[in-house]
Amino acid sequence: MEENFSTILGILTGLGLAAACGFRVFVPFLIASIAIRADVIHVAADFAWMGSTPALVALGVATLLEVGGYCLPGVDHFLDVVATPVAVVAGTLLTASFITDMEPWFRWSLAAIAGGGAAAVVQTTTVAARATSAVLSLGFGNPIVSAAEFLGATTVSILAALAPILALIAVVVAVALLWSLRRRRAEPMVASRPAGWGSQT
């Protein structure tokens, strides 16, 4: 019973971190690395490298570059283009790292479907929110969106390490709010279109 609970808790932790990859790819890895070194969470043996000093340094540098890149106009768009497939891969790896005592084929299938899927849903939502912000604010609102995404990645990652169920709830709420805001901001644009917009003559 205790072993089953530990397995479920590990999967939930992996899913929470995977979802956080949809906000920022490297922030969840960095926080996971710190938590592993602090013996707060435990990963499968083949992912023990995540808690090593070289991994911690590399992930710290990668996080700084990623966060800084999203603050630069033009660079943030490029990162959005490449971030979606990268986030899916990262979500898959993070989920797999916390799954133990399972057959490899089932472990990686679950990680790809659940972890990669969670990262993809969140990443797609943030890209859509950034696109809407870029149109409505001519790009000036993007730094605010970037700050919110960084905060989301950090908060969800910490919750995933300490209280994974709360992390997943936070992700669902955040995605729902982002889609709601996007729809509300898009409605005035649709309403302002001249009569016959898009119709063929």
Protein backbone atom coordinates (compact mmCIF):
# COMPACT_ATOMS: atom_id res chain seq x y z
CA MET A 1 0.00 0.00 0.00
CA GLU A 2 2.78 2.40 0.97
CA GLU A 3 4.69 1.49 -2.19
CA ASN A 4 1.65 2.23 -4.36
CA PHE A 5 1.17 5.59 -2.65
CA SER A 6 4.82 6.45 -3.25
CA THR A 7 4.47 5.55 -6.93
CA ILE A 8 1.35 7.68 -7.33
CA LEU A 9 2.98 10.58 -5.50
CA GLY A 10 6.00 10.33 -7.80
CA ILE A 11 3.79 10.39 -10.89
CA LEU A 12 1.90 13.44 -9.60
CA THR A 13 5.18 15.21 -8.85
CA GLY A 14 6.40 14.48 -12.37
CA LEU A 15 3.16 15.70 -13.91
CA GLY A 16 3.27 18.92 -11.90
CA LEU A 17 6.82 19.64 -13.03
CA ALA A 18 5.94 18.67 -16.59
CA ALA A 19 3.05 21.13 -16.63
CA ALA A 20 5.41 23.83 -15.32
CA CYS A 21 7.56 23.23 -18.41
CA GLY A 22 4.73 24.79 -20.39
CA PHE A 23 5.48 28.10 -18.66
CA ARG A 24 9.28 27.82 -18.75
CA VAL A 25 11.32 24.81 -19.83
CA PHE A 26 14.32 25.05 -17.52
CA VAL A 27 12.78 26.46 -14.33
CA PRO A 28 11.16 23.12 -13.36
CA PHE A 29 14.43 21.29 -14.02
CA LEU A 30 16.35 23.75 -11.85
CA ILE A 31 13.89 23.53 -8.97
CA ALA A 32 13.79 19.73 -9.28
CA SER A 33 17.59 19.67 -9.14
CA ILE A 34 17.61 21.80 -5.99
CA ALA A 35 14.91 19.66 -4.38
CA ILE A 36 16.79 16.45 -5.22
CA ARG A 37 19.99 17.80 -3.66
CA ALA A 38 18.01 18.84 -0.57
CA ASP A 39 16.58 15.30 -0.40
CA VAL A 40 13.04 16.67 -0.65
CA ILE A 41 12.13 14.54 -3.66
CA HIS A 42 13.58 11.37 -5.14
CA VAL A 43 14.00 10.35 -8.77
CA ALA A 44 14.60 7.08 -10.57
CA ALA A 45 18.18 5.82 -10.49
CA ASP A 46 18.83 6.67 -14.14
CA PHE A 47 17.96 10.31 -13.45
CA ALA A 48 20.11 10.73 -10.33
CA TRP A 49 22.39 13.01 -12.39
CA MET A 50 19.80 15.76 -12.03
CA GLY A 51 20.94 16.32 -8.45
CA SER A 52 24.62 16.62 -9.32
CA THR A 53 26.59 19.87 -9.06
CA PRO A 54 27.35 20.09 -12.81
CA ALA A 55 23.64 19.62 -13.59
CA LEU A 56 22.66 22.28 -11.04
CA VAL A 57 25.13 24.80 -12.53
CA ALA A 58 24.13 24.02 -16.12
CA LEU A 59 20.42 24.27 -15.33
CA GLY A 60 20.97 27.53 -13.47
CA VAL A 61 22.72 29.08 -16.47
CA ALA A 62 20.10 27.73 -18.89
CA THR A 63 17.32 29.18 -16.72
CA LEU A 64 18.94 32.63 -16.65
CA LEU A 65 19.37 32.61 -20.44
CA GLU A 66 15.79 31.46 -21.01
CA VAL A 67 14.25 34.00 -18.64
CA GLY A 68 16.41 36.79 -20.04
CA GLY A 69 15.58 35.83 -23.62
CA TYR A 70 11.87 36.22 -23.02
CA CYS A 71 12.47 39.84 -22.00
CA LEU A 72 13.90 40.73 -25.42
CA PRO A 73 11.49 41.65 -28.26
CA GLY A 74 11.89 39.30 -31.19
CA VAL A 75 13.83 36.77 -29.17
CA ASP A 76 10.69 35.94 -27.20
CA HIS A 77 8.87 35.10 -30.45
CA PHE A 78 11.70 32.82 -31.55
CA LEU A 79 11.66 31.08 -28.18
CA ASP A 80 7.90 30.58 -28.47
CA VAL A 81 8.40 28.86 -31.81
CA VAL A 82 10.95 26.36 -30.48
CA ALA A 83 9.59 26.11 -26.94
CA THR A 84 6.55 23.96 -27.70
CA PRO A 85 8.38 20.82 -28.92
CA VAL A 86 11.12 21.38 -26.34
CA ALA A 87 8.53 21.70 -23.56
CA VAL A 88 6.90 18.42 -24.62
CA VAL A 89 10.26 16.62 -24.51
CA ALA A 90 11.12 18.23 -21.17
CA GLY A 91 7.73 17.30 -19.71
CA THR A 92 8.19 13.72 -20.85
CA LEU A 93 11.66 13.48 -19.29
CA LEU A 94 10.60 15.02 -15.99
CA THR A 95 7.60 12.74 -15.66
CA ALA A 96 9.67 9.66 -16.50
CA SER A 97 12.29 10.65 -13.93
CA PHE A 98 9.77 10.24 -11.11
CA ILE A 99 8.19 6.99 -12.31
CA THR A 100 9.69 3.90 -10.70
CA ASP A 101 8.83 0.21 -10.50
CA MET A 102 7.21 0.10 -13.94
CA GLU A 103 8.05 -1.63 -17.18
CA PRO A 104 10.10 0.71 -19.41
CA TRP A 105 7.56 0.70 -22.24
CA PHE A 106 4.72 1.64 -19.89
CA ARG A 107 6.87 4.17 -18.03
CA TRP A 108 7.82 6.07 -21.16
CA SER A 109 4.37 5.78 -22.73
CA LEU A 110 2.79 7.25 -19.62
CA ALA A 111 5.45 9.96 -19.46
CA ALA A 112 4.98 10.93 -23.11
CA ILE A 113 1.18 10.96 -23.01
CA ALA A 114 0.60 12.47 -19.58
CA GLY A 115 3.76 14.50 -19.02
CA GLY A 116 4.31 15.61 -22.59
CA GLY A 117 0.59 16.29 -22.96
CA ALA A 118 0.46 18.44 -19.82
CA ALA A 119 3.42 20.50 -21.00
CA ALA A 120 1.88 20.91 -24.46
CA VAL A 121 -1.48 22.12 -23.11
CA VAL A 122 0.13 24.74 -20.87
CA GLN A 123 2.63 25.83 -23.53
CA THR A 124 -0.09 26.22 -26.16
CA THR A 125 -2.10 28.34 -23.75
CA THR A 126 0.81 30.64 -22.91
CA VAL A 127 1.73 31.07 -26.59
CA ALA A 128 -1.86 32.04 -27.37
CA ALA A 129 -1.90 34.50 -24.46
CA ARG A 130 1.38 36.05 -25.62
CA ALA A 131 0.08 36.38 -29.21
CA THR A 132 -3.05 38.14 -27.99
CA SER A 133 -0.97 40.43 -25.80
CA ALA A 134 1.34 41.24 -28.72
CA VAL A 135 -1.58 42.26 -30.93
CA LEU A 136 -3.40 44.34 -28.33
CA SER A 137 -0.35 46.04 -26.83
CA LEU A 138 1.91 46.09 -29.92
CA GLY A 139 4.33 43.90 -28.00
CA PHE A 140 4.74 46.25 -25.02
CA GLY A 141 2.71 43.96 -22.78
CA ASN A 142 4.87 40.91 -23.45
CA PRO A 143 7.32 41.56 -20.57
CA ILE A 144 4.36 41.43 -18.19
CA VAL A 145 3.26 38.12 -19.72
CA SER A 146 6.84 36.85 -19.42
CA ALA A 147 6.99 37.78 -15.74
CA ALA A 148 3.67 36.02 -15.13
CA GLU A 149 4.91 32.90 -16.93
CA PHE A 150 8.11 32.85 -14.85
CA LEU A 151 6.09 33.25 -11.68
CA GLY A 152 3.78 30.45 -12.80
CA ALA A 153 6.67 28.12 -13.61
CA THR A 154 8.33 28.81 -10.25
CA THR A 155 5.16 28.48 -8.18
CA VAL A 156 3.95 25.30 -9.88
CA SER A 157 7.42 23.71 -9.69
CA ILE A 158 7.75 24.40 -5.96
CA LEU A 159 4.24 23.09 -5.34
CA ALA A 160 5.02 19.99 -7.42
CA ALA A 161 7.97 19.23 -5.15
CA LEU A 162 6.09 19.89 -1.91
CA ALA A 163 2.39 19.32 -2.68
CA PRO A 164 1.92 17.87 -6.18
CA ILE A 165 -1.88 17.75 -6.01
CA LEU A 166 -1.99 21.49 -5.31
CA ALA A 167 0.39 22.03 -8.23
CA LEU A 168 -1.96 20.29 -10.66
CA ILE A 169 -4.93 22.26 -9.31
CA ALA A 170 -2.96 25.48 -9.77
CA VAL A 171 -2.16 24.53 -13.38
CA VAL A 172 -5.81 23.85 -14.20
CA VAL A 173 -6.85 27.19 -12.68
CA ALA A 174 -4.07 29.08 -14.50
CA VAL A 175 -4.91 27.54 -17.88
CA ALA A 176 -8.61 28.30 -17.39
CA LEU A 177 -7.86 31.92 -16.48
CA LEU A 178 -5.52 32.42 -19.43
CA TRP A 179 -8.06 31.07 -21.92
CA SER A 180 -10.79 33.18 -20.34
CA LEU A 181 -8.70 36.36 -20.55
CA ARG A 182 -7.70 35.58 -24.13
CA ARG A 183 -11.30 35.13 -25.19
CA ARG A 184 -12.42 38.34 -23.48
CA ARG A 185 -9.64 40.35 -25.10
CA ALA A 186 -10.29 38.82 -28.50
CA GLU A 187 -14.03 39.63 -28.45
CA PRO A 188 -13.61 43.42 -28.89
CA MET A 189 -11.33 42.76 -31.90
CA VAL A 190 -14.00 40.60 -33.52
CA ALA A 191 -16.74 43.10 -32.71
CA SER A 192 -14.73 45.98 -34.21
CA ARG A 193 -14.37 44.34 -37.62
CA PRO A 194 -16.26 46.20 -40.38
CA ALA A 195 -19.39 44.65 -41.85
CA GLY A 196 -18.62 42.06 -44.49
CA TRP A 197 -15.12 41.43 -43.08
CA GLY A 198 -13.73 38.29 -44.62
CA SER A 199 -16.68 37.83 -47.00
CA GLN A 200 -16.00 37.16 -50.62
CA THR A 201 -17.15 39.59 -53.27
